[in-house]
Structures are given as C-alpha cells and as structure tokens.
PDB file of N, CA and C in Angstrom:
ATOM      1  N   MET A   1       0.844  -1.176   0.000  1.00  0.00           N
ATOM      2  CA  MET A   1       0.000   0.000   0.000  1.00  0.00           C
ATOM      3  C   MET A   1       0.889   1.239   0.000  1.00  0.00           C
ATOM      4  N   ASN A   2       0.422   2.259  -0.644  1.00  0.00           N
ATOM      5  CA  ASN A   2       1.158   3.508  -0.777  1.00  0.00           C
ATOM      6  C   ASN A   2       1.367   4.163   0.603  1.00  0.00           C
ATOM      7  N   PRO A   3       2.606   4.512   0.969  1.00  0.00           N
ATOM      8  CA  PRO A   3       2.851   5.104   2.296  1.00  0.00           C
ATOM      9  C   PRO A   3       2.201   6.480   2.468  1.00  0.00           C
ATOM     10  N   TYR A   4       2.035   7.232   1.382  1.00  0.00           N
ATOM     11  CA  TYR A   4       1.381   8.533   1.482  1.00  0.00           C
ATOM     12  C   TYR A   4      -0.108   8.374   1.776  1.00  0.00           C
ATOM     13  N   PHE A   5      -0.702   7.361   1.206  1.00  0.00           N
ATOM     14  CA  PHE A   5      -2.110   7.063   1.465  1.00  0.00           C
ATOM     15  C   PHE A   5      -2.306   6.694   2.933  1.00  0.00           C
ATOM     16  N   MET A   6      -1.448   5.825   3.437  1.00  0.00           N
ATOM     17  CA  MET A   6      -1.537   5.410   4.842  1.00  0.00           C
ATOM     18  C   MET A   6      -1.310   6.602   5.775  1.00  0.00           C
ATOM     19  N   SER A   7      -0.372   7.467   5.432  1.00  0.00           N
ATOM     20  CA  SER A   7      -0.097   8.645   6.239  1.00  0.00           C
ATOM     21  C   SER A   7      -1.318   9.555   6.299  1.00  0.00           C
ATOM     22  N   GLY A   8      -2.006   9.706   5.173  1.00  0.00           N
ATOM     23  CA  GLY A   8      -3.212  10.531   5.138  1.00  0.00           C
ATOM     24  C   GLY A   8      -4.317   9.964   6.005  1.00  0.00           C
ATOM     25  N   ILE A   9      -4.490   8.666   5.964  1.00  0.00           N
ATOM     26  CA  ILE A   9      -5.526   8.020   6.777  1.00  0.00           C
ATOM     27  C   ILE A   9      -5.218   8.179   8.266  1.00  0.00           C
ATOM     28  N   ILE A  10      -3.996   7.940   8.640  1.00  0.00           N
ATOM     29  CA  ILE A  10      -3.604   8.023  10.051  1.00  0.00           C
ATOM     30  C   ILE A  10      -3.741   9.446  10.578  1.00  0.00           C
ATOM     31  N   SER A  11      -3.306  10.437   9.799  1.00  0.00           N
ATOM     32  CA  SER A  11      -3.410  11.823  10.268  1.00  0.00           C
ATOM     33  C   SER A  11      -4.868  12.252  10.393  1.00  0.00           C
ATOM     34  N   THR A  12      -5.731  11.766   9.519  1.00  0.00           N
ATOM     35  CA  THR A  12      -7.154  12.080   9.617  1.00  0.00           C
ATOM     36  C   THR A  12      -7.753  11.476  10.878  1.00  0.00           C
ATOM     37  N   LEU A  13      -7.433  10.230  11.159  1.00  0.00           N
ATOM     38  CA  LEU A  13      -7.981   9.588  12.347  1.00  0.00           C
ATOM     39  C   LEU A  13      -7.488  10.243  13.630  1.00  0.00           C
ATOM     40  N   PHE A  14      -6.208  10.641  13.675  1.00  0.00           N
ATOM     41  CA  PHE A  14      -5.714  11.292  14.881  1.00  0.00           C
ATOM     42  C   PHE A  14      -6.353  12.649  15.076  1.00  0.00           C
ATOM     43  N   GLY A  15      -6.773  13.297  14.000  1.00  0.00           N
ATOM     44  CA  GLY A  15      -7.467  14.568  14.119  1.00  0.00           C
ATOM     45  C   GLY A  15      -8.873  14.421  14.656  1.00  0.00           C
ATOM     46  N   LEU A  16      -9.447  13.241  14.540  1.00  0.00           N
ATOM     47  CA  LEU A  16     -10.815  13.002  14.983  1.00  0.00           C
ATOM     48  C   LEU A  16     -10.889  12.254  16.315  1.00  0.00           C
ATOM     49  N   LYS A  17      -9.753  11.854  16.840  1.00  0.00           N
ATOM     50  CA  LYS A  17      -9.734  11.103  18.102  1.00  0.00           C
ATOM     51  C   LYS A  17      -9.767  12.074  19.276  1.00  0.00           C
ATOM     52  N   ARG A  18     -10.631  11.781  20.242  1.00  0.00           N
ATOM     53  CA  ARG A  18     -10.708  12.590  21.454  1.00  0.00           C
ATOM     54  C   ARG A  18     -10.675  11.682  22.675  1.00  0.00           C
ATOM     55  N   THR A  19     -10.176  12.232  23.761  1.00  0.00           N
ATOM     56  CA  THR A  19     -10.127  11.509  25.028  1.00  0.00           C
ATOM     57  C   THR A  19     -11.099  12.168  25.998  1.00  0.00           C
ATOM     58  N   CYS A  20     -11.930  11.372  26.597  1.00  0.00           N
ATOM     59  CA  CYS A  20     -12.909  11.876  27.554  1.00  0.00           C
ATOM     60  C   CYS A  20     -12.183  12.379  28.807  1.00  0.00           C
ATOM     61  N   PRO A  21     -12.503  13.588  29.260  1.00  0.00           N
ATOM     62  CA  PRO A  21     -11.834  14.106  30.459  1.00  0.00           C
ATOM     63  C   PRO A  21     -12.274  13.401  31.744  1.00  0.00           C
ATOM     64  N   LYS A  22     -13.428  12.747  31.722  1.00  0.00           N
ATOM     65  CA  LYS A  22     -13.933  12.090  32.929  1.00  0.00           C
ATOM     66  C   LYS A  22     -13.447  10.652  33.056  1.00  0.00           C
ATOM     67  N   CYS A  23     -13.680   9.831  32.008  1.00  0.00           N
ATOM     68  CA  CYS A  23     -13.332   8.409  32.109  1.00  0.00           C
ATOM     69  C   CYS A  23     -12.014   8.059  31.395  1.00  0.00           C
ATOM     70  N   LYS A  24     -11.414   9.028  30.706  1.00  0.00           N
ATOM     71  CA  LYS A  24     -10.106   8.877  30.040  1.00  0.00           C
ATOM     72  C   LYS A  24     -10.098   7.839  28.913  1.00  0.00           C
ATOM     73  N   ARG A  25     -11.260   7.540  28.346  1.00  0.00           N
ATOM     74  CA  ARG A  25     -11.324   6.590  27.231  1.00  0.00           C
ATOM     75  C   ARG A  25     -11.288   7.357  25.916  1.00  0.00           C
ATOM     76  N   ASP A  26     -10.685   6.760  24.911  1.00  0.00           N
ATOM     77  CA  ASP A  26     -10.575   7.370  23.599  1.00  0.00           C
ATOM     78  C   ASP A  26     -11.747   6.961  22.724  1.00  0.00           C
ATOM     79  N   GLN A  27     -12.126   7.875  21.844  1.00  0.00           N
ATOM     80  CA  GLN A  27     -13.138   7.566  20.846  1.00  0.00           C
ATOM     81  C   GLN A  27     -12.917   8.460  19.631  1.00  0.00           C
ATOM     82  N   VAL A  28     -13.378   8.008  18.490  1.00  0.00           N
ATOM     83  CA  VAL A  28     -13.269   8.765  17.248  1.00  0.00           C
ATOM     84  C   VAL A  28     -14.626   9.405  16.991  1.00  0.00           C
ATOM     85  N   VAL A  29     -14.611  10.708  16.746  1.00  0.00           N
ATOM     86  CA  VAL A  29     -15.857  11.425  16.487  1.00  0.00           C
ATOM     87  C   VAL A  29     -16.078  11.556  14.980  1.00  0.00           C
ATOM     88  N   PRO A  30     -17.318  11.706  14.540  1.00  0.00           N
ATOM     89  CA  PRO A  30     -17.585  11.897  13.113  1.00  0.00           C
ATOM     90  C   PRO A  30     -16.937  13.191  12.608  1.00  0.00           C
ATOM     91  N   SER A  31     -16.533  13.202  11.367  1.00  0.00           N
ATOM     92  CA  SER A  31     -15.831  14.367  10.821  1.00  0.00           C
ATOM     93  C   SER A  31     -16.717  15.617  10.811  1.00  0.00           C
ATOM     94  N   ASP A  32     -18.025  15.461  10.700  1.00  0.00           N
ATOM     95  CA  ASP A  32     -18.896  16.637  10.705  1.00  0.00           C
ATOM     96  C   ASP A  32     -19.070  17.224  12.107  1.00  0.00           C
ATOM     97  N   LYS A  33     -18.606  16.537  13.135  1.00  0.00           N
ATOM     98  CA  LYS A  33     -18.705  17.012  14.520  1.00  0.00           C
ATOM     99  C   LYS A  33     -17.346  17.420  15.091  1.00  0.00           C
ATOM    100  N   LYS A  34     -16.325  17.528  14.259  1.00  0.00           N
ATOM    101  CA  LYS A  34     -14.979  17.746  14.795  1.00  0.00           C
ATOM    102  C   LYS A  34     -14.784  19.119  15.430  1.00  0.00           C
ATOM    103  N   HIS A  35     -15.645  20.084  15.138  1.00  0.00           N
ATOM    104  CA  HIS A  35     -15.533  21.408  15.750  1.00  0.00           C
ATOM    105  C   HIS A  35     -16.643  21.658  16.762  1.00  0.00           C
ATOM    106  N   GLU A  36     -17.342  20.595  17.168  1.00  0.00           N
ATOM    107  CA  GLU A  36     -18.449  20.716  18.110  1.00  0.00           C
ATOM    108  C   GLU A  36     -18.191  19.881  19.363  1.00  0.00           C
ATOM    109  N   LYS A  37     -18.894  20.222  20.423  1.00  0.00           N
ATOM    110  CA  LYS A  37     -18.840  19.425  21.645  1.00  0.00           C
ATOM    111  C   LYS A  37     -19.621  18.140  21.407  1.00  0.00           C
ATOM    112  N   VAL A  38     -19.042  17.009  21.783  1.00  0.00           N
ATOM    113  CA  VAL A  38     -19.727  15.725  21.673  1.00  0.00           C
ATOM    114  C   VAL A  38     -19.787  15.103  23.063  1.00  0.00           C
ATOM    115  N   TYR A  39     -20.606  14.072  23.195  1.00  0.00           N
ATOM    116  CA  TYR A  39     -20.755  13.402  24.478  1.00  0.00           C
ATOM    117  C   TYR A  39     -20.135  12.017  24.417  1.00  0.00           C
ATOM    118  N   CYS A  40     -19.447  11.660  25.479  1.00  0.00           N
ATOM    119  CA  CYS A  40     -18.773  10.370  25.574  1.00  0.00           C
ATOM    120  C   CYS A  40     -19.799   9.244  25.473  1.00  0.00           C
ATOM    121  N   LYS A  41     -19.506   8.265  24.647  1.00  0.00           N
ATOM    122  CA  LYS A  41     -20.440   7.145  24.494  1.00  0.00           C
ATOM    123  C   LYS A  41     -20.319   6.141  25.631  1.00  0.00           C
ATOM    124  N   PHE A  42     -19.324   6.319  26.497  1.00  0.00           N
ATOM    125  CA  PHE A  42     -19.137   5.403  27.618  1.00  0.00           C
ATOM    126  C   PHE A  42     -19.722   5.942  28.918  1.00  0.00           C
ATOM    127  N   CYS A  43     -19.482   7.243  29.208  1.00  0.00           N
ATOM    128  CA  CYS A  43     -19.958   7.782  30.482  1.00  0.00           C
ATOM    129  C   CYS A  43     -20.914   8.965  30.330  1.00  0.00           C
ATOM    130  N   GLY A  44     -21.033   9.533  29.133  1.00  0.00           N
ATOM    131  CA  GLY A  44     -21.966  10.624  28.888  1.00  0.00           C
ATOM    132  C   GLY A  44     -21.434  12.016  29.166  1.00  0.00           C
ATOM    133  N   ALA A  45     -20.190  12.141  29.566  1.00  0.00           N
ATOM    134  CA  ALA A  45     -19.618  13.467  29.848  1.00  0.00           C
ATOM    135  C   ALA A  45     -19.379  14.215  28.534  1.00  0.00           C
ATOM    136  N   GLY A  46     -19.417  15.533  28.610  1.00  0.00           N
ATOM    137  CA  GLY A  46     -19.160  16.359  27.437  1.00  0.00           C
ATOM    138  C   GLY A  46     -17.675  16.402  27.111  1.00  0.00           C
ATOM    139  N   ILE A  47     -17.341  16.261  25.831  1.00  0.00           N
ATOM    140  CA  ILE A  47     -15.951  16.334  25.386  1.00  0.00           C
ATOM    141  C   ILE A  47     -15.835  17.541  24.475  1.00  0.00           C
ATOM    142  N   PRO A  48     -15.057  18.553  24.886  1.00  0.00           N
ATOM    143  CA  PRO A  48     -14.928  19.751  24.065  1.00  0.00           C
ATOM    144  C   PRO A  48     -14.110  19.471  22.809  1.00  0.00           C
ATOM    145  N   PRO A  49     -14.282  20.306  21.762  1.00  0.00           N
ATOM    146  CA  PRO A  49     -13.489  20.112  20.545  1.00  0.00           C
ATOM    147  C   PRO A  49     -12.012  20.400  20.812  1.00  0.00           C
ATOM    148  N   ALA A  50     -11.177  19.827  19.978  1.00  0.00           N
ATOM    149  CA  ALA A  50      -9.738  20.046  20.107  1.00  0.00           C
ATOM    150  C   ALA A  50      -9.410  21.492  19.777  1.00  0.00           C
ATOM    151  N   LYS A  51      -8.422  22.035  20.445  1.00  0.00           N
ATOM    152  CA  LYS A  51      -7.995  23.407  20.155  1.00  0.00           C
ATOM    153  C   LYS A  51      -7.296  23.427  18.807  1.00  0.00           C
ATOM    154  N   ARG A  52      -7.547  24.459  18.047  1.00  0.00           N
ATOM    155  CA  ARG A  52      -6.973  24.551  16.696  1.00  0.00           C
ATOM    156  C   ARG A  52      -5.606  25.096  16.706  1.00  0.00           C
TER     157      ARG A  52
END
C-alpha cells in the first residue's frame, strides 16, 4: 500500500480522536462534529473540541 495514502488516513484519524476528560477513554468522532462538543459514548460526559 502507498505510504502517502496510509499517512493521510492516520493523520485524519488522529485529528478526529478525542479523550474523555472524565473516564479517560478514547473515541473517534464523526468528521462533521470535529468542531463541536460531543458526548462520551461510555460515560456521557461532554468532550470539548480540540484546540486549533
């Protein structure tokens, strides 16, 4: 597989990964929600968007 393709996929996923401040679990958020507050699917706490 092309290394540039893999690099693009990995960088996209790391941009969408967030860690819950309450339970410290990681989750990937949908790309259309990357600038919005989402709720943890494990404990329900609010996860703020990543700082730009």
